[in-house]
């Protein structure tokens, strides 16, 4: 009985982990698809920028700013769909998230430093959090971090203008991100994996 109980608890824990992972992936895909529409208006959009032991979900660039965008997907309780943001924390009906804003600021600072290293001057990066599936109520004017519902992305991003960038600066930033995003070989076709797959095919 003890063994069965232990295995059941492990299965439940594993199921919850998989559910959370799938929910997060679905949220990132939804936000990514919405951000990709901005490319029709001349924006540059990148996804899953790797940092040291963390990643930035999305990066958006145009002539009026750079945005580091985080997706936060939280399951909705029944008949609840409004999240409140007071400038410091996001309050869901069943949960208060005080870490998302800190993470968004931290990731924006990291990207800002990388751009400063590249251009040799300060370029502000605006942190944005998108909550797919939720409506967002602002309790006070945002102070540096913007929290948006998915449906607000198309209209809100063009209105947030942090600093005018000339075409050369945009080109250099985009070129560096292209290098970062395209330089990694797909996992399944790395040299080690090619030999592994070859061995499997010959067995």
N, C-alpha and C. Protein backbone atom coordinates (compact mmCIF):
# COMPACT_ATOMS: atom_id res chain seq x y z
N UNK A 1 0.82 -1.21 0.00
CA UNK A 1 0.00 0.00 0.00
C UNK A 1 0.86 1.27 0.00
N UNK A 2 1.92 1.24 0.79
CA UNK A 2 2.81 2.40 0.83
C UNK A 2 3.45 2.63 -0.53
N UNK A 3 3.86 1.51 -1.15
CA UNK A 3 4.48 1.62 -2.47
C UNK A 3 3.50 2.16 -3.50
N UNK A 4 2.26 1.70 -3.48
CA UNK A 4 1.25 2.18 -4.42
C UNK A 4 0.97 3.66 -4.20
N UNK A 5 0.87 4.07 -2.92
CA UNK A 5 0.63 5.47 -2.60
C UNK A 5 1.77 6.35 -3.10
N UNK A 6 3.00 5.88 -2.92
CA UNK A 6 4.18 6.64 -3.37
C UNK A 6 4.16 6.80 -4.88
N UNK A 7 3.88 5.70 -5.61
CA UNK A 7 3.84 5.77 -7.07
C UNK A 7 2.72 6.67 -7.56
N UNK A 8 1.57 6.61 -6.86
CA UNK A 8 0.44 7.48 -7.23
C UNK A 8 0.80 8.95 -7.07
N UNK A 9 1.47 9.28 -5.97
CA UNK A 9 1.87 10.67 -5.73
C UNK A 9 2.85 11.14 -6.79
N UNK A 10 3.77 10.26 -7.17
CA UNK A 10 4.73 10.61 -8.22
C UNK A 10 4.03 10.84 -9.55
N UNK A 11 3.05 9.99 -9.87
CA UNK A 11 2.32 10.15 -11.12
C UNK A 11 1.52 11.45 -11.14
N UNK A 12 0.89 11.77 -10.01
CA UNK A 12 0.14 13.02 -9.93
C UNK A 12 1.06 14.21 -10.08
N UNK A 13 2.20 14.17 -9.41
CA UNK A 13 3.16 15.27 -9.50
C UNK A 13 3.66 15.42 -10.93
N UNK A 14 3.93 14.30 -11.57
CA UNK A 14 4.41 14.33 -12.96
C UNK A 14 3.35 14.89 -13.89
N UNK A 15 2.10 14.49 -13.65
CA UNK A 15 1.00 15.00 -14.47
C UNK A 15 0.87 16.51 -14.33
N UNK A 16 0.97 17.01 -13.10
CA UNK A 16 0.86 18.45 -12.88
C UNK A 16 2.01 19.20 -13.54
N UNK A 17 3.21 18.62 -13.50
CA UNK A 17 4.36 19.23 -14.17
C UNK A 17 4.14 19.31 -15.67
N UNK A 18 3.65 18.22 -16.25
CA UNK A 18 3.41 18.19 -17.69
C UNK A 18 2.30 19.15 -18.08
N UNK A 19 1.27 19.23 -17.24
CA UNK A 19 0.17 20.16 -17.51
C UNK A 19 0.67 21.60 -17.49
N UNK A 20 1.48 21.94 -16.49
CA UNK A 20 2.04 23.29 -16.38
C UNK A 20 2.93 23.61 -17.57
N UNK A 21 3.75 22.62 -17.96
CA UNK A 21 4.64 22.83 -19.11
C UNK A 21 3.84 23.06 -20.38
N UNK A 22 2.80 22.25 -20.60
CA UNK A 22 1.98 22.39 -21.80
C UNK A 22 1.23 23.71 -21.81
N UNK A 23 0.72 24.11 -20.65
CA UNK A 23 0.03 25.39 -20.55
C UNK A 23 0.97 26.54 -20.89
N UNK A 24 2.20 26.48 -20.36
CA UNK A 24 3.18 27.52 -20.65
C UNK A 24 3.55 27.56 -22.12
N UNK A 25 3.72 26.38 -22.73
CA UNK A 25 4.07 26.32 -24.15
C UNK A 25 2.94 26.89 -25.01
N UNK A 26 1.70 26.51 -24.70
CA UNK A 26 0.57 27.04 -25.46
C UNK A 26 0.50 28.56 -25.35
N UNK A 27 0.78 29.08 -24.15
CA UNK A 27 0.76 30.52 -23.96
C UNK A 27 1.84 31.22 -24.78
N UNK A 28 3.05 30.68 -24.77
CA UNK A 28 4.14 31.28 -25.54
C UNK A 28 3.85 31.24 -27.03
N UNK A 29 3.27 30.14 -27.51
CA UNK A 29 2.93 30.05 -28.93
C UNK A 29 1.87 31.08 -29.31
N UNK A 30 0.88 31.26 -28.44
CA UNK A 30 -0.18 32.23 -28.72
C UNK A 30 0.38 33.65 -28.76
N UNK A 31 1.23 33.99 -27.80
CA UNK A 31 1.84 35.32 -27.78
C UNK A 31 2.77 35.50 -28.97
N UNK A 32 3.55 34.47 -29.28
CA UNK A 32 4.46 34.55 -30.42
C UNK A 32 3.72 34.80 -31.72
N UNK A 33 2.60 34.11 -31.92
CA UNK A 33 1.82 34.32 -33.14
C UNK A 33 1.26 35.74 -33.21
N UNK A 34 0.84 36.26 -32.04
CA UNK A 34 0.30 37.62 -32.02
C UNK A 34 1.40 38.64 -32.32
N UNK A 35 2.57 38.43 -31.74
CA UNK A 35 3.69 39.35 -31.98
C UNK A 35 4.16 39.28 -33.43
N UNK A 36 4.11 38.11 -34.03
CA UNK A 36 4.55 37.97 -35.41
C UNK A 36 3.76 38.86 -36.36
N UNK A 37 2.52 39.18 -36.00
CA UNK A 37 1.71 40.05 -36.85
C UNK A 37 2.30 41.45 -36.94
N UNK A 38 3.09 41.83 -35.92
CA UNK A 38 3.72 43.16 -35.95
C UNK A 38 4.74 43.28 -37.08
N UNK A 39 5.24 42.14 -37.56
CA UNK A 39 6.20 42.19 -38.66
C UNK A 39 5.59 42.78 -39.92
N UNK A 40 4.27 42.69 -40.06
CA UNK A 40 3.59 43.31 -41.20
C UNK A 40 3.71 44.83 -41.15
N UNK A 41 3.97 45.37 -39.96
CA UNK A 41 4.14 46.82 -39.80
C UNK A 41 5.61 47.23 -39.71
N UNK A 42 6.51 46.31 -40.02
CA UNK A 42 7.93 46.64 -40.06
C UNK A 42 8.71 46.32 -38.81
N UNK A 43 8.09 45.68 -37.83
CA UNK A 43 8.81 45.29 -36.62
C UNK A 43 9.67 44.05 -36.87
N UNK A 44 10.70 43.92 -36.07
CA UNK A 44 11.53 42.71 -36.06
C UNK A 44 11.17 41.94 -34.80
N UNK A 45 10.85 40.65 -34.94
CA UNK A 45 10.37 39.84 -33.82
C UNK A 45 11.21 38.58 -33.71
N UNK A 46 11.67 38.30 -32.48
CA UNK A 46 12.46 37.10 -32.22
C UNK A 46 11.91 36.39 -30.99
N UNK A 47 12.13 35.08 -30.96
CA UNK A 47 11.59 34.27 -29.87
C UNK A 47 12.68 33.44 -29.21
N UNK A 48 12.52 33.25 -27.91
CA UNK A 48 13.38 32.36 -27.13
C UNK A 48 14.85 32.74 -27.25
N UNK A 49 15.17 33.94 -26.79
CA UNK A 49 16.56 34.41 -26.76
C UNK A 49 17.23 33.86 -25.51
N UNK A 50 18.30 33.12 -25.69
CA UNK A 50 18.95 32.45 -24.57
C UNK A 50 19.91 33.38 -23.84
N UNK A 51 19.80 33.41 -22.52
CA UNK A 51 20.76 34.09 -21.66
C UNK A 51 21.48 33.05 -20.82
N UNK A 52 22.30 33.48 -19.87
CA UNK A 52 22.97 32.53 -18.99
C UNK A 52 21.98 31.91 -18.00
N UNK A 53 21.59 30.68 -18.25
CA UNK A 53 20.67 29.93 -17.38
C UNK A 53 19.25 30.50 -17.36
N UNK A 54 18.87 31.28 -18.35
CA UNK A 54 17.49 31.75 -18.48
C UNK A 54 17.26 32.12 -19.94
N UNK A 55 16.02 32.42 -20.26
CA UNK A 55 15.73 32.85 -21.62
C UNK A 55 14.76 34.02 -21.59
N UNK A 56 14.78 34.81 -22.65
CA UNK A 56 13.80 35.87 -22.85
C UNK A 56 12.81 35.34 -23.87
N UNK A 57 11.53 35.31 -23.50
CA UNK A 57 10.54 34.66 -24.37
C UNK A 57 10.47 35.29 -25.75
N UNK A 58 10.42 36.62 -25.80
CA UNK A 58 10.27 37.31 -27.09
C UNK A 58 11.02 38.64 -27.04
N UNK A 59 11.56 39.04 -28.17
CA UNK A 59 12.17 40.37 -28.31
C UNK A 59 11.58 41.03 -29.55
N UNK A 60 11.14 42.27 -29.40
CA UNK A 60 10.54 43.03 -30.49
C UNK A 60 11.32 44.32 -30.65
N UNK A 61 11.61 44.69 -31.89
CA UNK A 61 12.41 45.89 -32.17
C UNK A 61 11.77 46.68 -33.30
N UNK A 62 11.71 48.00 -33.13
CA UNK A 62 11.39 48.87 -34.24
C UNK A 62 12.16 50.17 -34.05
N UNK A 63 11.86 51.17 -34.84
CA UNK A 63 12.62 52.42 -34.79
C UNK A 63 12.35 53.24 -33.53
N UNK A 64 11.40 52.82 -32.71
CA UNK A 64 11.07 53.58 -31.51
C UNK A 64 11.29 52.80 -30.23
N UNK A 65 11.99 51.68 -30.30
CA UNK A 65 12.29 51.00 -29.06
C UNK A 65 12.57 49.52 -29.21
N UNK A 66 13.07 48.97 -28.11
CA UNK A 66 13.34 47.54 -28.00
C UNK A 66 12.52 47.02 -26.82
N UNK A 67 11.89 45.88 -27.00
CA UNK A 67 11.00 45.32 -25.99
C UNK A 67 11.43 43.90 -25.64
N UNK A 68 11.58 43.64 -24.35
CA UNK A 68 11.81 42.28 -23.86
C UNK A 68 10.48 41.79 -23.28
N UNK A 69 9.90 40.78 -23.90
CA UNK A 69 8.53 40.38 -23.59
C UNK A 69 8.51 39.00 -22.96
N UNK A 70 7.82 38.92 -21.82
CA UNK A 70 7.65 37.65 -21.12
C UNK A 70 6.20 37.21 -21.19
N UNK A 71 6.00 35.93 -21.44
CA UNK A 71 4.67 35.34 -21.41
C UNK A 71 4.46 34.70 -20.04
N UNK A 72 3.35 35.02 -19.40
CA UNK A 72 2.99 34.39 -18.13
C UNK A 72 1.61 33.75 -18.29
N UNK A 73 1.58 32.44 -18.31
CA UNK A 73 0.34 31.70 -18.50
C UNK A 73 -0.11 31.11 -17.18
N UNK A 74 -1.28 31.52 -16.73
CA UNK A 74 -1.82 31.05 -15.46
C UNK A 74 -3.21 30.49 -15.71
N UNK A 75 -3.46 29.26 -15.24
CA UNK A 75 -4.76 28.63 -15.44
C UNK A 75 -5.86 29.46 -14.78
N UNK A 76 -6.99 29.59 -15.47
CA UNK A 76 -8.09 30.41 -14.95
C UNK A 76 -9.03 29.57 -14.09
N UNK A 77 -9.33 30.06 -12.89
CA UNK A 77 -10.39 29.42 -12.12
C UNK A 77 -11.72 29.59 -12.86
N UNK A 78 -12.73 28.82 -12.50
CA UNK A 78 -14.02 28.91 -13.17
C UNK A 78 -14.60 30.32 -13.04
N UNK A 79 -15.03 30.85 -14.18
CA UNK A 79 -15.71 32.15 -14.25
C UNK A 79 -14.81 33.29 -13.78
N UNK A 80 -13.50 33.12 -13.85
CA UNK A 80 -12.58 34.20 -13.47
C UNK A 80 -11.63 34.46 -14.62
N UNK A 81 -11.50 35.71 -15.01
CA UNK A 81 -10.65 36.01 -16.17
C UNK A 81 -9.97 37.37 -16.07
N UNK A 82 -10.08 38.05 -14.92
CA UNK A 82 -9.49 39.38 -14.78
C UNK A 82 -8.30 39.34 -13.83
N UNK A 83 -7.16 39.85 -14.30
CA UNK A 83 -5.96 39.98 -13.48
C UNK A 83 -5.71 41.46 -13.21
N UNK A 84 -5.40 41.79 -11.97
CA UNK A 84 -5.11 43.18 -11.59
C UNK A 84 -3.61 43.40 -11.52
N UNK A 85 -3.17 44.57 -12.00
CA UNK A 85 -1.76 44.93 -11.90
C UNK A 85 -1.65 46.30 -11.26
N UNK A 86 -0.89 46.37 -10.15
CA UNK A 86 -0.76 47.63 -9.42
C UNK A 86 0.61 48.27 -9.58
N UNK A 87 1.38 47.79 -10.58
CA UNK A 87 2.72 48.34 -10.80
C UNK A 87 3.81 47.51 -10.17
N UNK A 88 3.46 46.64 -9.21
CA UNK A 88 4.46 45.81 -8.54
C UNK A 88 4.15 44.32 -8.64
N UNK A 89 2.89 43.96 -8.48
CA UNK A 89 2.50 42.55 -8.50
C UNK A 89 1.28 42.37 -9.39
N UNK A 90 1.13 41.14 -9.89
CA UNK A 90 -0.05 40.76 -10.67
C UNK A 90 -0.93 39.92 -9.75
N UNK A 91 -2.17 40.33 -9.60
CA UNK A 91 -3.09 39.62 -8.71
C UNK A 91 -4.16 38.90 -9.53
N UNK A 92 -4.09 37.57 -9.49
CA UNK A 92 -5.14 36.74 -10.07
C UNK A 92 -6.18 36.45 -8.98
N UNK A 93 -7.33 35.94 -9.34
CA UNK A 93 -8.33 35.64 -8.31
C UNK A 93 -7.85 34.63 -7.26
N UNK A 94 -6.93 33.76 -7.66
CA UNK A 94 -6.48 32.71 -6.73
C UNK A 94 -4.99 32.72 -6.45
N UNK A 95 -4.29 33.78 -6.91
CA UNK A 95 -2.83 33.75 -6.80
C UNK A 95 -2.28 35.15 -6.99
N UNK A 96 -1.25 35.48 -6.23
CA UNK A 96 -0.56 36.76 -6.38
C UNK A 96 0.87 36.50 -6.85
N UNK A 97 1.21 37.07 -7.99
CA UNK A 97 2.52 36.84 -8.60
C UNK A 97 3.39 38.08 -8.42
N UNK A 98 4.34 38.00 -7.50
CA UNK A 98 5.27 39.10 -7.28
C UNK A 98 6.59 38.93 -7.99
N UNK A 99 6.77 37.79 -8.65
CA UNK A 99 8.06 37.51 -9.29
C UNK A 99 8.10 37.92 -10.76
N UNK A 100 6.95 37.96 -11.41
CA UNK A 100 6.93 38.21 -12.85
C UNK A 100 7.53 39.56 -13.20
N UNK A 101 7.17 40.59 -12.44
CA UNK A 101 7.67 41.94 -12.73
C UNK A 101 9.19 42.00 -12.53
N UNK A 102 9.68 41.37 -11.46
CA UNK A 102 11.12 41.35 -11.21
C UNK A 102 11.85 40.61 -12.34
N UNK A 103 11.28 39.50 -12.79
CA UNK A 103 11.91 38.75 -13.87
C UNK A 103 11.93 39.57 -15.16
N UNK A 104 10.83 40.23 -15.47
CA UNK A 104 10.77 41.03 -16.69
C UNK A 104 11.79 42.16 -16.66
N UNK A 105 11.93 42.81 -15.50
CA UNK A 105 12.92 43.88 -15.38
C UNK A 105 14.35 43.33 -15.52
N UNK A 106 14.60 42.19 -14.88
CA UNK A 106 15.92 41.58 -14.93
C UNK A 106 16.30 41.19 -16.36
N UNK A 107 15.36 40.60 -17.08
CA UNK A 107 15.64 40.21 -18.46
C UNK A 107 15.86 41.42 -19.36
N UNK A 108 15.08 42.47 -19.12
CA UNK A 108 15.25 43.69 -19.92
C UNK A 108 16.61 44.32 -19.66
N UNK A 109 17.05 44.30 -18.39
CA UNK A 109 18.38 44.86 -18.07
C UNK A 109 19.48 44.05 -18.76
N UNK A 110 19.32 42.74 -18.78
CA UNK A 110 20.32 41.89 -19.45
C UNK A 110 20.41 42.25 -20.93
N UNK A 111 19.27 42.33 -21.59
CA UNK A 111 19.28 42.66 -23.02
C UNK A 111 19.81 44.07 -23.24
N UNK A 112 19.46 44.98 -22.36
CA UNK A 112 19.94 46.36 -22.45
C UNK A 112 21.45 46.43 -22.37
N UNK A 113 22.04 45.65 -21.48
CA UNK A 113 23.50 45.64 -21.35
C UNK A 113 24.15 45.07 -22.59
N UNK A 114 23.55 44.01 -23.17
CA UNK A 114 24.11 43.42 -24.38
C UNK A 114 24.07 44.42 -25.54
N UNK A 115 23.00 45.18 -25.64
CA UNK A 115 22.89 46.18 -26.70
C UNK A 115 23.88 47.31 -26.47
N UNK A 116 24.06 47.71 -25.21
CA UNK A 116 25.04 48.75 -24.90
C UNK A 116 26.45 48.29 -25.27
N UNK A 117 26.77 47.03 -25.00
CA UNK A 117 28.07 46.49 -25.39
C UNK A 117 28.25 46.54 -26.90
N UNK A 118 27.15 46.32 -27.62
CA UNK A 118 27.22 46.29 -29.08
C UNK A 118 27.34 47.68 -29.68
N UNK A 119 26.53 48.62 -29.19
CA UNK A 119 26.47 49.95 -29.79
C UNK A 119 27.39 50.96 -29.12
N UNK A 120 27.82 50.66 -27.90
CA UNK A 120 28.67 51.59 -27.18
C UNK A 120 27.91 52.74 -26.54
N UNK A 121 26.61 52.61 -26.42
CA UNK A 121 25.81 53.65 -25.77
C UNK A 121 24.53 53.02 -25.21
N UNK A 122 23.90 53.77 -24.32
CA UNK A 122 22.71 53.27 -23.63
C UNK A 122 21.49 53.31 -24.54
N UNK A 123 20.80 52.18 -24.65
CA UNK A 123 19.53 52.09 -25.35
C UNK A 123 18.54 51.41 -24.40
N UNK A 124 17.50 52.10 -23.96
CA UNK A 124 16.57 51.47 -23.02
C UNK A 124 15.81 50.31 -23.64
N UNK A 125 15.60 49.28 -22.84
CA UNK A 125 14.79 48.13 -23.25
C UNK A 125 13.56 48.11 -22.35
N UNK A 126 12.39 48.07 -22.93
CA UNK A 126 11.14 48.12 -22.19
C UNK A 126 10.67 46.72 -21.85
N UNK A 127 10.49 46.39 -20.56
CA UNK A 127 9.95 45.08 -20.20
C UNK A 127 8.43 45.05 -20.33
N UNK A 128 7.95 43.99 -20.94
CA UNK A 128 6.50 43.81 -21.15
C UNK A 128 6.13 42.39 -20.71
N UNK A 129 5.01 42.25 -20.03
CA UNK A 129 4.47 40.94 -19.66
C UNK A 129 3.13 40.78 -20.35
N UNK A 130 2.94 39.65 -21.01
CA UNK A 130 1.67 39.37 -21.68
C UNK A 130 1.01 38.18 -21.00
N UNK A 131 -0.28 38.32 -20.70
CA UNK A 131 -1.05 37.29 -20.00
C UNK A 131 -2.10 36.71 -20.95
N UNK A 132 -1.77 35.68 -21.71
CA UNK A 132 -2.76 35.10 -22.62
C UNK A 132 -3.93 34.49 -21.86
N UNK A 133 -5.13 34.76 -22.36
CA UNK A 133 -6.33 34.21 -21.74
C UNK A 133 -6.94 35.08 -20.65
N UNK A 134 -6.29 36.18 -20.31
CA UNK A 134 -6.76 37.04 -19.22
C UNK A 134 -7.06 38.45 -19.72
N UNK A 135 -8.01 39.11 -19.09
CA UNK A 135 -8.15 40.55 -19.20
C UNK A 135 -7.31 41.18 -18.09
N UNK A 136 -6.79 42.37 -18.36
CA UNK A 136 -5.90 43.02 -17.40
C UNK A 136 -6.50 44.35 -16.96
N UNK A 137 -6.57 44.55 -15.64
CA UNK A 137 -7.01 45.82 -15.07
C UNK A 137 -5.82 46.50 -14.42
N UNK A 138 -5.53 47.72 -14.84
CA UNK A 138 -4.42 48.48 -14.27
C UNK A 138 -4.93 49.30 -13.09
N UNK A 139 -4.32 49.11 -11.93
CA UNK A 139 -4.71 49.85 -10.73
C UNK A 139 -3.97 51.17 -10.61
N UNK A 140 -2.87 51.31 -11.34
CA UNK A 140 -2.13 52.57 -11.38
C UNK A 140 -1.33 52.60 -12.67
N UNK A 141 -0.86 53.75 -13.04
CA UNK A 141 -0.11 53.90 -14.28
C UNK A 141 1.17 53.08 -14.22
N UNK A 142 1.46 52.32 -15.28
CA UNK A 142 2.68 51.49 -15.28
C UNK A 142 3.94 52.33 -15.07
N UNK A 143 4.86 51.80 -14.29
CA UNK A 143 6.14 52.46 -14.04
C UNK A 143 7.27 51.58 -14.59
N UNK A 144 7.42 51.61 -15.89
CA UNK A 144 8.54 50.90 -16.50
C UNK A 144 8.21 49.52 -17.01
N UNK A 145 7.25 48.82 -16.38
CA UNK A 145 6.85 47.49 -16.82
C UNK A 145 5.38 47.53 -17.25
N UNK A 146 5.12 47.04 -18.45
CA UNK A 146 3.76 47.02 -18.97
C UNK A 146 3.22 45.60 -18.91
N UNK A 147 1.99 45.46 -18.42
CA UNK A 147 1.31 44.16 -18.38
C UNK A 147 0.11 44.24 -19.30
N UNK A 148 0.07 43.34 -20.28
CA UNK A 148 -0.95 43.40 -21.33
C UNK A 148 -1.71 42.09 -21.44
N UNK A 149 -2.98 42.19 -21.82
CA UNK A 149 -3.72 41.02 -22.27
C UNK A 149 -3.29 40.72 -23.71
N UNK A 150 -3.52 39.51 -24.14
CA UNK A 150 -3.11 39.12 -25.49
C UNK A 150 -3.74 40.03 -26.55
N UNK A 151 -5.00 40.37 -26.36
CA UNK A 151 -5.70 41.19 -27.34
C UNK A 151 -5.24 42.64 -27.38
N UNK A 152 -4.42 43.06 -26.42
CA UNK A 152 -3.93 44.44 -26.39
C UNK A 152 -2.61 44.62 -27.12
N UNK A 153 -1.96 43.53 -27.45
CA UNK A 153 -0.59 43.60 -27.97
C UNK A 153 -0.50 44.44 -29.23
N UNK A 154 -1.39 44.21 -30.20
CA UNK A 154 -1.30 44.88 -31.49
C UNK A 154 -1.38 46.40 -31.38
N UNK A 155 -2.22 46.89 -30.46
CA UNK A 155 -2.38 48.34 -30.31
C UNK A 155 -1.40 48.95 -29.32
N UNK A 156 -1.04 48.20 -28.28
CA UNK A 156 -0.23 48.77 -27.20
C UNK A 156 1.24 48.93 -27.58
N UNK A 157 1.82 47.91 -28.21
CA UNK A 157 3.26 47.97 -28.51
C UNK A 157 3.61 49.19 -29.36
N UNK A 158 2.86 49.50 -30.43
CA UNK A 158 3.21 50.69 -31.22
C UNK A 158 3.10 52.00 -30.46
N UNK A 159 2.33 52.02 -29.36
CA UNK A 159 2.16 53.26 -28.60
C UNK A 159 3.24 53.47 -27.56
N UNK A 160 4.01 52.42 -27.27
CA UNK A 160 5.08 52.54 -26.27
C UNK A 160 6.36 52.94 -26.99
N UNK A 161 6.77 54.18 -26.82
CA UNK A 161 7.94 54.67 -27.55
C UNK A 161 8.97 55.13 -26.53
N UNK A 162 10.05 54.36 -26.40
CA UNK A 162 11.05 54.67 -25.38
C UNK A 162 12.16 55.56 -25.89
N UNK A 163 12.63 55.31 -27.12
CA UNK A 163 13.73 56.10 -27.66
C UNK A 163 13.82 55.89 -29.16
N UNK A 164 14.01 56.98 -29.90
CA UNK A 164 14.14 56.87 -31.35
C UNK A 164 15.47 56.25 -31.69
N UNK A 165 15.43 55.23 -32.55
CA UNK A 165 16.64 54.56 -33.02
C UNK A 165 16.80 54.82 -34.51
N UNK A 166 18.03 55.09 -34.93
CA UNK A 166 18.22 55.26 -36.36
C UNK A 166 18.33 53.90 -37.03
N UNK A 167 18.22 53.89 -38.35
CA UNK A 167 18.18 52.64 -39.11
C UNK A 167 19.45 51.82 -38.91
N UNK A 168 20.59 52.49 -38.73
CA UNK A 168 21.85 51.77 -38.57
C UNK A 168 21.86 51.01 -37.24
N UNK A 169 21.38 51.65 -36.18
CA UNK A 169 21.33 50.98 -34.88
C UNK A 169 20.41 49.77 -34.93
N UNK A 170 19.23 49.96 -35.52
CA UNK A 170 18.29 48.84 -35.64
C UNK A 170 18.93 47.70 -36.42
N UNK A 171 19.61 48.03 -37.49
CA UNK A 171 20.25 47.01 -38.31
C UNK A 171 21.30 46.23 -37.53
N UNK A 172 22.09 46.92 -36.72
CA UNK A 172 23.14 46.24 -35.95
C UNK A 172 22.55 45.34 -34.87
N UNK A 173 21.50 45.83 -34.21
CA UNK A 173 20.85 45.00 -33.18
C UNK A 173 20.23 43.77 -33.81
N UNK A 174 19.53 43.97 -34.92
CA UNK A 174 18.88 42.86 -35.61
C UNK A 174 19.91 41.85 -36.10
N UNK A 175 21.02 42.35 -36.63
CA UNK A 175 22.07 41.45 -37.12
C UNK A 175 22.62 40.58 -35.99
N UNK A 176 22.81 41.17 -34.81
CA UNK A 176 23.31 40.40 -33.68
C UNK A 176 22.28 39.35 -33.23
N UNK A 177 21.02 39.74 -33.19
CA UNK A 177 19.99 38.77 -32.79
C UNK A 177 19.85 37.66 -33.82
N UNK A 178 20.01 37.99 -35.08
CA UNK A 178 19.98 36.96 -36.12
C UNK A 178 21.09 35.95 -35.88
N UNK A 179 22.25 36.44 -35.49
CA UNK A 179 23.38 35.54 -35.22
C UNK A 179 23.08 34.64 -34.04
N UNK A 180 22.52 35.25 -32.98
CA UNK A 180 22.20 34.48 -31.78
C UNK A 180 21.14 33.43 -32.07
N UNK A 181 20.11 33.82 -32.82
CA UNK A 181 18.97 32.93 -33.05
C UNK A 181 19.25 31.85 -34.09
N UNK A 182 20.13 32.13 -35.03
CA UNK A 182 20.32 31.19 -36.14
C UNK A 182 21.60 30.38 -36.06
N UNK A 183 22.45 30.66 -35.05
CA UNK A 183 23.77 30.04 -35.03
C UNK A 183 23.77 28.64 -34.46
N UNK A 184 22.72 28.29 -33.66
CA UNK A 184 22.68 26.98 -33.04
C UNK A 184 22.14 25.95 -34.02
N UNK A 185 22.88 24.86 -34.20
CA UNK A 185 22.40 23.77 -35.03
C UNK A 185 21.22 23.10 -34.35
N UNK A 186 20.20 22.68 -35.11
CA UNK A 186 19.10 21.95 -34.49
C UNK A 186 19.61 20.75 -33.72
N UNK A 187 19.01 20.49 -32.57
CA UNK A 187 19.51 19.43 -31.70
C UNK A 187 19.56 18.09 -32.43
N UNK A 188 18.55 17.81 -33.23
CA UNK A 188 18.45 16.49 -33.84
C UNK A 188 19.48 16.26 -34.93
N UNK A 189 20.17 17.32 -35.38
CA UNK A 189 21.14 17.11 -36.45
C UNK A 189 22.54 17.56 -36.03
N UNK A 190 22.79 17.66 -34.71
CA UNK A 190 24.15 17.92 -34.27
C UNK A 190 25.00 16.70 -34.59
N UNK A 191 26.31 16.86 -34.61
CA UNK A 191 27.19 15.77 -35.03
C UNK A 191 27.04 14.54 -34.15
N UNK A 192 26.92 14.74 -32.82
CA UNK A 192 26.76 13.60 -31.93
C UNK A 192 25.46 12.85 -32.21
N UNK A 193 24.40 13.62 -32.43
CA UNK A 193 23.12 12.97 -32.65
C UNK A 193 23.05 12.27 -34.00
N UNK A 194 23.76 12.81 -34.99
CA UNK A 194 23.77 12.14 -36.28
C UNK A 194 24.32 10.72 -36.14
N UNK A 195 25.38 10.58 -35.35
CA UNK A 195 25.94 9.25 -35.16
C UNK A 195 25.00 8.35 -34.38
N UNK A 196 24.29 8.93 -33.39
CA UNK A 196 23.32 8.17 -32.62
C UNK A 196 22.18 7.68 -33.49
N UNK A 197 21.66 8.60 -34.34
CA UNK A 197 20.59 8.21 -35.22
C UNK A 197 21.05 7.16 -36.23
N UNK A 198 22.28 7.32 -36.71
CA UNK A 198 22.83 6.34 -37.66
C UNK A 198 22.91 4.97 -37.02
N UNK A 199 23.34 4.92 -35.75
CA UNK A 199 23.41 3.65 -35.06
C UNK A 199 22.04 3.03 -34.90
N UNK A 200 21.05 3.84 -34.58
CA UNK A 200 19.70 3.32 -34.41
C UNK A 200 19.16 2.76 -35.72
N UNK A 201 19.48 3.44 -36.82
CA UNK A 201 18.97 3.01 -38.11
C UNK A 201 19.60 1.71 -38.59
N UNK A 202 20.81 1.44 -38.07
CA UNK A 202 21.50 0.23 -38.52
C UNK A 202 21.24 -0.96 -37.62
N UNK A 203 20.56 -0.74 -36.47
CA UNK A 203 20.27 -1.84 -35.57
C UNK A 203 19.13 -2.70 -36.12
